[in-house]
Amino acid sequence: MYYILNQKSESSLLLKLVGLLDLKFILVVVVVVVVVALVIVVLVVVVLVVVVVVVVVVVVVVVIVVVVAIVVVVVVLLLLLLITAVSKLLDCSGPLFFFYKEVWLRGRKIVKSKNFYFNDDSDDDGDDDDDDDDNDDDDDDDDNNDGYNKRYNKV
């Protein structure tokens, strides 16, 4: 009987030891799982923060680029307007000079538009030559019919 009691006590003691080991093992496993879960959560939070920061930086850069582009366009338009105003004050042809000059040279016409007038009359005598103050289109200082006489009368 002593043997049976002794065997029971040994087995109880063994069960208690195994139970304690199992409890320690379970606690270790739980602690490891919690630590791994916390590390994963921290890594996910860090990745999300980095993604948010990158997105914010990209949005800020895009906004800055758009604002700079708008400012550049406005400044260029204002400069064109200023050039046009100054050229009108100085009786020049404005920033569209070459386009309108080409149109004028092709058709030998005076080009008019709402805010633009091109005329190659630098001597202000009413004709399109730059020579004298009579109204003919030749380059001398004679009377108005000199060109006519040269062509038809052979003077």
N, C-alpha and C. Protein backbone atom coordinates (compact mmCIF):
# COMPACT_ATOMS: atom_id res chain seq x y z
N MET A 1 0.82 -1.17 0.00
CA MET A 1 0.00 0.00 0.00
C MET A 1 0.87 1.25 0.00
N TYR A 2 1.97 1.12 0.71
CA TYR A 2 2.89 2.22 0.72
C TYR A 2 3.38 2.50 -0.71
N TYR A 3 3.59 1.45 -1.43
CA TYR A 3 4.06 1.57 -2.78
C TYR A 3 3.03 2.28 -3.64
N ILE A 4 1.79 1.94 -3.49
CA ILE A 4 0.74 2.57 -4.28
C ILE A 4 0.61 4.04 -3.89
N LEU A 5 0.64 4.30 -2.60
CA LEU A 5 0.56 5.68 -2.17
C LEU A 5 1.78 6.45 -2.65
N ASN A 6 2.91 5.76 -2.52
CA ASN A 6 4.12 6.40 -2.96
C ASN A 6 4.09 6.65 -4.47
N GLN A 7 3.54 5.70 -5.20
CA GLN A 7 3.45 5.85 -6.63
C GLN A 7 2.51 6.99 -6.98
N LYS A 8 1.41 7.10 -6.26
CA LYS A 8 0.48 8.19 -6.49
C LYS A 8 1.16 9.52 -6.22
N SER A 9 1.91 9.57 -5.14
CA SER A 9 2.54 10.83 -4.84
C SER A 9 3.59 11.17 -5.87
N GLU A 10 4.33 10.19 -6.32
CA GLU A 10 5.30 10.49 -7.36
C GLU A 10 4.61 10.92 -8.65
N SER A 11 3.55 10.26 -8.98
CA SER A 11 2.87 10.62 -10.21
C SER A 11 2.22 11.98 -10.04
N SER A 12 1.71 12.29 -8.88
CA SER A 12 1.15 13.61 -8.64
C SER A 12 2.23 14.66 -8.73
N LEU A 13 3.35 14.35 -8.15
CA LEU A 13 4.46 15.28 -8.21
C LEU A 13 4.93 15.47 -9.65
N LEU A 14 4.97 14.36 -10.36
CA LEU A 14 5.37 14.44 -11.77
C LEU A 14 4.35 15.24 -12.58
N LEU A 15 3.09 14.99 -12.29
CA LEU A 15 2.04 15.75 -12.99
C LEU A 15 2.15 17.23 -12.64
N LYS A 16 2.46 17.49 -11.38
CA LYS A 16 2.63 18.89 -10.99
C LYS A 16 3.82 19.51 -11.71
N LEU A 17 4.93 18.80 -11.81
CA LEU A 17 6.10 19.31 -12.53
C LEU A 17 5.79 19.54 -14.00
N VAL A 18 5.14 18.55 -14.60
CA VAL A 18 4.78 18.68 -16.02
C VAL A 18 3.80 19.82 -16.19
N GLY A 19 2.86 19.96 -15.27
CA GLY A 19 1.90 21.06 -15.31
C GLY A 19 2.61 22.40 -15.21
N LEU A 20 3.60 22.49 -14.32
CA LEU A 20 4.36 23.73 -14.19
C LEU A 20 5.18 24.01 -15.45
N LEU A 21 5.76 22.95 -15.99
CA LEU A 21 6.52 23.13 -17.23
C LEU A 21 5.60 23.58 -18.36
N ASP A 22 4.46 22.95 -18.43
CA ASP A 22 3.52 23.35 -19.47
C ASP A 22 3.08 24.80 -19.27
N LEU A 23 2.87 25.19 -18.05
CA LEU A 23 2.47 26.57 -17.78
C LEU A 23 3.58 27.54 -18.16
N LYS A 24 4.84 27.17 -17.81
CA LYS A 24 5.95 28.03 -18.20
C LYS A 24 6.09 28.08 -19.72
N PHE A 25 5.95 26.96 -20.38
CA PHE A 25 6.05 26.90 -21.83
C PHE A 25 4.95 27.74 -22.48
N ILE A 26 3.77 27.61 -21.95
CA ILE A 26 2.64 28.39 -22.48
C ILE A 26 2.90 29.88 -22.27
N LEU A 27 3.39 30.25 -21.09
CA LEU A 27 3.70 31.66 -20.83
C LEU A 27 4.79 32.16 -21.78
N VAL A 28 5.82 31.35 -22.02
CA VAL A 28 6.89 31.75 -22.94
C VAL A 28 6.34 31.92 -24.34
N VAL A 29 5.52 31.00 -24.77
CA VAL A 29 4.93 31.08 -26.12
C VAL A 29 4.05 32.32 -26.22
N VAL A 30 3.26 32.58 -25.21
CA VAL A 30 2.39 33.76 -25.23
C VAL A 30 3.23 35.04 -25.27
N VAL A 31 4.27 35.10 -24.46
CA VAL A 31 5.13 36.28 -24.44
C VAL A 31 5.80 36.48 -25.81
N VAL A 32 6.29 35.40 -26.41
CA VAL A 32 6.94 35.48 -27.72
C VAL A 32 5.92 35.95 -28.78
N VAL A 33 4.73 35.42 -28.75
CA VAL A 33 3.70 35.81 -29.72
C VAL A 33 3.33 37.28 -29.53
N VAL A 34 3.20 37.73 -28.31
CA VAL A 34 2.87 39.13 -28.04
C VAL A 34 4.00 40.04 -28.51
N VAL A 35 5.23 39.67 -28.26
CA VAL A 35 6.38 40.47 -28.69
C VAL A 35 6.44 40.54 -30.21
N VAL A 36 6.26 39.40 -30.87
CA VAL A 36 6.27 39.38 -32.34
C VAL A 36 5.12 40.22 -32.90
N ALA A 37 3.96 40.11 -32.29
CA ALA A 37 2.81 40.92 -32.74
C ALA A 37 3.09 42.41 -32.55
N LEU A 38 3.69 42.78 -31.42
CA LEU A 38 4.03 44.18 -31.20
C LEU A 38 5.07 44.67 -32.21
N VAL A 39 6.05 43.85 -32.52
CA VAL A 39 7.06 44.23 -33.51
C VAL A 39 6.41 44.42 -34.87
N ILE A 40 5.51 43.52 -35.24
CA ILE A 40 4.81 43.66 -36.53
C ILE A 40 3.96 44.92 -36.55
N VAL A 41 3.26 45.19 -35.46
CA VAL A 41 2.43 46.41 -35.40
C VAL A 41 3.32 47.66 -35.51
N VAL A 42 4.44 47.65 -34.80
CA VAL A 42 5.34 48.81 -34.88
C VAL A 42 5.89 48.97 -36.29
N LEU A 43 6.26 47.89 -36.94
CA LEU A 43 6.75 47.97 -38.31
C LEU A 43 5.67 48.48 -39.27
N VAL A 44 4.45 48.02 -39.11
CA VAL A 44 3.35 48.49 -39.96
C VAL A 44 3.11 49.97 -39.73
N VAL A 45 3.14 50.40 -38.49
CA VAL A 45 2.94 51.82 -38.19
C VAL A 45 4.08 52.66 -38.79
N VAL A 46 5.31 52.19 -38.68
CA VAL A 46 6.45 52.91 -39.25
C VAL A 46 6.31 53.00 -40.77
N VAL A 47 5.94 51.89 -41.42
CA VAL A 47 5.75 51.90 -42.87
C VAL A 47 4.64 52.85 -43.26
N LEU A 48 3.54 52.85 -42.53
CA LEU A 48 2.44 53.77 -42.83
C LEU A 48 2.86 55.22 -42.64
N VAL A 49 3.61 55.49 -41.61
CA VAL A 49 4.10 56.86 -41.39
C VAL A 49 5.01 57.29 -42.53
N VAL A 50 5.89 56.41 -42.95
CA VAL A 50 6.80 56.72 -44.06
C VAL A 50 6.00 56.96 -45.34
N VAL A 51 5.01 56.13 -45.61
CA VAL A 51 4.17 56.30 -46.81
C VAL A 51 3.42 57.64 -46.74
N VAL A 52 2.86 57.96 -45.61
CA VAL A 52 2.14 59.23 -45.46
C VAL A 52 3.09 60.41 -45.66
N VAL A 53 4.27 60.33 -45.09
CA VAL A 53 5.24 61.42 -45.26
C VAL A 53 5.64 61.57 -46.73
N VAL A 54 5.88 60.46 -47.40
CA VAL A 54 6.24 60.50 -48.83
C VAL A 54 5.09 61.10 -49.64
N VAL A 55 3.87 60.68 -49.38
CA VAL A 55 2.71 61.22 -50.11
C VAL A 55 2.58 62.72 -49.84
N VAL A 56 2.73 63.14 -48.62
CA VAL A 56 2.64 64.56 -48.29
C VAL A 56 3.74 65.34 -49.01
N VAL A 57 4.95 64.82 -49.02
CA VAL A 57 6.05 65.50 -49.71
C VAL A 57 5.77 65.59 -51.21
N VAL A 58 5.28 64.51 -51.80
CA VAL A 58 4.96 64.53 -53.23
C VAL A 58 3.86 65.54 -53.52
N VAL A 59 2.83 65.58 -52.70
CA VAL A 59 1.74 66.54 -52.90
C VAL A 59 2.27 67.97 -52.77
N VAL A 60 3.09 68.21 -51.78
CA VAL A 60 3.65 69.56 -51.59
C VAL A 60 4.51 69.95 -52.80
N VAL A 61 5.32 69.04 -53.28
CA VAL A 61 6.16 69.33 -54.45
C VAL A 61 5.30 69.60 -55.68
N VAL A 62 4.26 68.82 -55.88
CA VAL A 62 3.37 69.04 -57.03
C VAL A 62 2.68 70.39 -56.91
N VAL A 63 2.22 70.72 -55.72
CA VAL A 63 1.58 72.03 -55.52
C VAL A 63 2.57 73.16 -55.79
N ILE A 64 3.79 73.02 -55.30
CA ILE A 64 4.80 74.05 -55.54
C ILE A 64 5.09 74.18 -57.03
N VAL A 65 5.21 73.07 -57.73
CA VAL A 65 5.48 73.11 -59.18
C VAL A 65 4.33 73.77 -59.92
N VAL A 66 3.10 73.45 -59.55
CA VAL A 66 1.93 74.06 -60.21
C VAL A 66 1.89 75.56 -59.93
N VAL A 67 2.13 75.94 -58.70
CA VAL A 67 2.11 77.37 -58.35
C VAL A 67 3.22 78.11 -59.09
N VAL A 68 4.41 77.53 -59.16
CA VAL A 68 5.51 78.16 -59.88
C VAL A 68 5.18 78.27 -61.37
N ALA A 69 4.57 77.24 -61.94
CA ALA A 69 4.19 77.29 -63.36
C ALA A 69 3.16 78.38 -63.61
N ILE A 70 2.19 78.51 -62.72
CA ILE A 70 1.18 79.55 -62.87
C ILE A 70 1.83 80.93 -62.76
N VAL A 71 2.72 81.09 -61.80
CA VAL A 71 3.40 82.37 -61.62
C VAL A 71 4.24 82.70 -62.86
N VAL A 72 4.93 81.72 -63.41
CA VAL A 72 5.74 81.95 -64.61
C VAL A 72 4.86 82.36 -65.78
N VAL A 73 3.74 81.69 -65.96
CA VAL A 73 2.83 82.04 -67.06
C VAL A 73 2.30 83.45 -66.88
N VAL A 74 1.90 83.79 -65.66
CA VAL A 74 1.39 85.14 -65.40
C VAL A 74 2.47 86.19 -65.64
N VAL A 75 3.69 85.91 -65.19
CA VAL A 75 4.78 86.87 -65.39
C VAL A 75 5.08 87.03 -66.87
N VAL A 76 5.09 85.94 -67.62
CA VAL A 76 5.35 86.04 -69.06
C VAL A 76 4.25 86.84 -69.75
N LEU A 77 3.00 86.58 -69.38
CA LEU A 77 1.90 87.34 -69.97
C LEU A 77 1.99 88.82 -69.60
N LEU A 78 2.33 89.11 -68.36
CA LEU A 78 2.49 90.51 -67.96
C LEU A 78 3.66 91.17 -68.69
N LEU A 79 4.74 90.43 -68.89
CA LEU A 79 5.86 90.99 -69.65
C LEU A 79 5.47 91.26 -71.10
N LEU A 80 4.71 90.36 -71.71
CA LEU A 80 4.23 90.61 -73.07
C LEU A 80 3.33 91.84 -73.12
N LEU A 81 2.48 91.95 -72.12
CA LEU A 81 1.61 93.13 -72.05
C LEU A 81 2.43 94.39 -71.86
N LEU A 82 3.44 94.33 -71.02
CA LEU A 82 4.31 95.49 -70.81
C LEU A 82 5.09 95.84 -72.08
N ILE A 83 5.60 94.82 -72.76
CA ILE A 83 6.32 95.07 -74.01
C ILE A 83 5.39 95.70 -75.03
N THR A 84 4.17 95.22 -75.12
CA THR A 84 3.21 95.79 -76.05
C THR A 84 2.89 97.23 -75.69
N ALA A 85 2.68 97.49 -74.41
CA ALA A 85 2.36 98.86 -73.99
C ALA A 85 3.53 99.80 -74.26
N VAL A 86 4.74 99.38 -73.94
CA VAL A 86 5.90 100.23 -74.17
C VAL A 86 6.12 100.44 -75.66
N SER A 87 5.94 99.39 -76.45
CA SER A 87 6.14 99.54 -77.89
C SER A 87 5.07 100.44 -78.50
N LYS A 88 3.86 100.41 -77.96
CA LYS A 88 2.83 101.32 -78.44
C LYS A 88 3.20 102.77 -78.07
N LEU A 89 3.72 102.95 -76.86
CA LEU A 89 4.14 104.29 -76.47
C LEU A 89 5.29 104.78 -77.33
N LEU A 90 6.17 103.89 -77.74
CA LEU A 90 7.31 104.26 -78.57
C LEU A 90 7.00 104.18 -80.06
N ASP A 91 5.75 103.89 -80.40
CA ASP A 91 5.29 103.77 -81.79
C ASP A 91 6.03 102.66 -82.53
N CYS A 92 6.22 101.54 -81.86
CA CYS A 92 6.80 100.36 -82.50
C CYS A 92 5.68 99.40 -82.83
N SER A 93 6.04 98.20 -83.18
CA SER A 93 5.01 97.28 -83.63
C SER A 93 4.61 96.23 -82.61
N GLY A 94 5.18 96.19 -81.45
CA GLY A 94 4.76 95.26 -80.42
C GLY A 94 5.45 93.92 -80.52
N PRO A 95 5.10 92.99 -79.60
CA PRO A 95 5.78 91.70 -79.58
C PRO A 95 5.41 90.81 -80.77
N LEU A 96 4.33 91.14 -81.46
CA LEU A 96 3.94 90.35 -82.62
C LEU A 96 4.50 90.94 -83.90
N PHE A 97 5.57 91.70 -83.78
CA PHE A 97 6.14 92.43 -84.90
C PHE A 97 6.47 91.51 -86.08
N PHE A 98 7.15 90.42 -85.81
CA PHE A 98 7.63 89.60 -86.91
C PHE A 98 6.48 88.91 -87.64
N PHE A 99 5.48 88.46 -86.90
CA PHE A 99 4.32 87.84 -87.55
C PHE A 99 3.59 88.84 -88.42
N TYR A 100 3.31 89.99 -87.88
CA TYR A 100 2.57 90.99 -88.65
C TYR A 100 3.42 91.57 -89.78
N LYS A 101 4.72 91.68 -89.56
CA LYS A 101 5.59 92.18 -90.62
C LYS A 101 5.59 91.20 -91.78
N GLU A 102 5.63 89.90 -91.46
CA GLU A 102 5.59 88.89 -92.52
C GLU A 102 4.28 88.97 -93.29
N VAL A 103 3.18 89.14 -92.59
CA VAL A 103 1.88 89.29 -93.26
C VAL A 103 1.89 90.54 -94.13
N TRP A 104 2.44 91.60 -93.59
CA TRP A 104 2.46 92.87 -94.33
C TRP A 104 3.35 92.76 -95.56
N LEU A 105 4.53 92.10 -95.40
CA LEU A 105 5.44 91.98 -96.53
C LEU A 105 4.88 91.09 -97.62
N ARG A 106 4.15 90.05 -97.26
CA ARG A 106 3.59 89.17 -98.28
C ARG A 106 2.52 89.87 -99.10
N GLY A 107 1.65 90.57 -98.44
CA GLY A 107 0.54 91.18 -99.15
C GLY A 107 0.73 92.66 -99.42
N ARG A 108 1.79 93.25 -98.89
CA ARG A 108 2.01 94.69 -98.99
C ARG A 108 0.77 95.45 -98.55
N LYS A 109 0.23 94.98 -97.43
CA LYS A 109 -0.96 95.60 -96.89
C LYS A 109 -0.66 96.15 -95.51
N ILE A 110 -1.48 97.07 -95.09
CA ILE A 110 -1.42 97.52 -93.71
C ILE A 110 -2.29 96.57 -92.90
N VAL A 111 -1.68 95.98 -91.89
CA VAL A 111 -2.41 95.00 -91.09
C VAL A 111 -3.00 95.72 -89.89
N LYS A 112 -4.30 95.54 -89.74
CA LYS A 112 -4.97 96.15 -88.60
C LYS A 112 -5.65 95.06 -87.79
N SER A 113 -5.62 95.22 -86.51
CA SER A 113 -6.40 94.36 -85.63
C SER A 113 -6.91 95.21 -84.49
N LYS A 114 -7.53 94.62 -83.55
CA LYS A 114 -8.18 95.38 -82.48
C LYS A 114 -7.20 96.29 -81.73
N ASN A 115 -6.03 95.75 -81.38
CA ASN A 115 -5.08 96.54 -80.59
C ASN A 115 -3.74 96.68 -81.29
N PHE A 116 -3.70 96.55 -82.60
CA PHE A 116 -2.42 96.54 -83.28
C PHE A 116 -2.54 97.26 -84.60
N TYR A 117 -1.55 98.06 -84.90
CA TYR A 117 -1.50 98.74 -86.18
C TYR A 117 -0.06 98.74 -86.65
N PHE A 118 0.17 98.18 -87.83
CA PHE A 118 1.51 98.12 -88.37
C PHE A 118 1.57 98.98 -89.62
N ASN A 119 2.49 99.90 -89.64
CA ASN A 119 2.67 100.75 -90.80
C ASN A 119 4.15 101.08 -90.90
N ASP A 120 4.73 100.83 -92.04
CA ASP A 120 6.15 101.10 -92.24
C ASP A 120 6.32 102.52 -92.79
N ASP A 121 5.88 103.48 -92.03
CA ASP A 121 5.93 104.87 -92.47
C ASP A 121 6.75 105.65 -91.45
N SER A 122 8.07 105.56 -91.57
CA SER A 122 8.91 106.16 -90.55
C SER A 122 9.10 107.66 -90.75
N ASP A 123 8.79 108.17 -91.95
CA ASP A 123 8.99 109.60 -92.16
C ASP A 123 7.69 110.40 -92.00
N ASP A 124 6.59 109.73 -91.73
CA ASP A 124 5.30 110.34 -91.40
C ASP A 124 4.81 111.30 -92.49
N ASP A 125 5.03 110.97 -93.75
CA ASP A 125 4.53 111.83 -94.81
C ASP A 125 3.34 111.23 -95.55
N GLY A 126 2.85 110.07 -95.08
CA GLY A 126 1.65 109.49 -95.67
C GLY A 126 1.92 108.38 -96.65
N ASP A 127 3.12 108.24 -97.15
CA ASP A 127 3.43 107.13 -98.04
C ASP A 127 4.25 106.09 -97.28
N ASP A 128 4.58 105.00 -97.94
CA ASP A 128 5.26 103.91 -97.28
C ASP A 128 6.74 103.87 -97.60
N ASP A 129 7.31 104.97 -98.00
CA ASP A 129 8.76 105.02 -98.19
C ASP A 129 9.39 105.80 -97.05
N ASP A 130 10.66 105.75 -96.94
CA ASP A 130 11.36 106.38 -95.83
C ASP A 130 12.24 107.53 -96.30
N ASP A 131 11.85 108.21 -97.33
CA ASP A 131 12.80 109.12 -97.94
C ASP A 131 12.49 110.60 -97.77
N ASP A 132 11.31 111.00 -98.10
CA ASP A 132 11.06 112.42 -98.27
C ASP A 132 9.66 112.75 -97.81
N ASP A 133 9.25 113.95 -98.07
CA ASP A 133 7.92 114.34 -97.60
C ASP A 133 6.96 114.62 -98.75
N ASP A 134 7.25 114.16 -99.94
CA ASP A 134 6.23 114.20 -100.98
C ASP A 134 5.47 112.88 -100.98
N ASN A 135 4.40 112.78 -101.68
CA ASN A 135 3.52 111.62 -101.57
C ASN A 135 3.75 110.57 -102.66
N ASP A 136 4.87 110.56 -103.30
CA ASP A 136 5.14 109.50 -104.25
C ASP A 136 5.97 108.42 -103.57
N ASP A 137 6.09 107.29 -104.21
CA ASP A 137 6.79 106.15 -103.62
C ASP A 137 8.20 106.00 -104.17
N ASP A 138 8.78 107.06 -104.70
CA ASP A 138 10.16 106.97 -105.13
C ASP A 138 11.06 107.55 -104.04
N ASP A 139 12.35 107.44 -104.23
CA ASP A 139 13.29 107.81 -103.18
C ASP A 139 13.98 109.15 -103.44
N ASP A 140 13.34 110.02 -104.17
CA ASP A 140 13.97 111.33 -104.39
C ASP A 140 13.15 112.42 -103.73
N ASP A 141 13.61 113.61 -103.82
CA ASP A 141 12.92 114.74 -103.18
C ASP A 141 12.19 115.61 -104.20
N ASP A 142 11.82 115.03 -105.34
CA ASP A 142 11.17 115.82 -106.38
C ASP A 142 9.67 115.92 -106.14
N ASP A 143 8.98 116.38 -107.14
CA ASP A 143 7.53 116.54 -107.04
C ASP A 143 6.82 115.18 -107.13
N ASN A 144 5.53 115.21 -107.08
CA ASN A 144 4.75 113.99 -106.96
C ASN A 144 4.72 113.15 -108.22
N ASN A 145 5.00 113.70 -109.40
CA ASN A 145 4.85 112.92 -110.62
C ASN A 145 6.18 112.55 -111.24
N ASP A 146 7.25 112.59 -110.47
CA ASP A 146 8.56 112.27 -111.01
C ASP A 146 8.63 110.83 -111.47
N GLY A 147 8.12 109.92 -110.69
CA GLY A 147 8.12 108.52 -111.08
C GLY A 147 7.30 108.29 -112.33
N TYR A 148 6.21 108.98 -112.46
CA TYR A 148 5.37 108.87 -113.65
C TYR A 148 6.13 109.35 -114.86
N ASN A 149 6.84 110.45 -114.72
CA ASN A 149 7.59 111.00 -115.84
C ASN A 149 8.71 110.06 -116.25
N LYS A 150 9.37 109.44 -115.30
CA LYS A 150 10.46 108.54 -115.65
C LYS A 150 9.95 107.33 -116.41
N ARG A 151 8.78 106.86 -116.05
CA ARG A 151 8.29 105.65 -116.68
C ARG A 151 7.72 105.89 -118.07
N TYR A 152 6.94 106.96 -118.20
CA TYR A 152 6.18 107.09 -119.43
C TYR A 152 6.69 108.18 -120.38
N ASN A 153 7.32 109.18 -119.87
CA ASN A 153 7.72 110.28 -120.74
C ASN A 153 9.18 110.22 -121.13
N LYS A 154 9.94 109.39 -120.50
CA LYS A 154 11.35 109.23 -120.81
C LYS A 154 12.05 110.57 -120.89
N VAL A 155 11.95 111.35 -119.85
CA VAL A 155 12.50 112.71 -119.84
C VAL A 155 14.00 112.68 -119.90
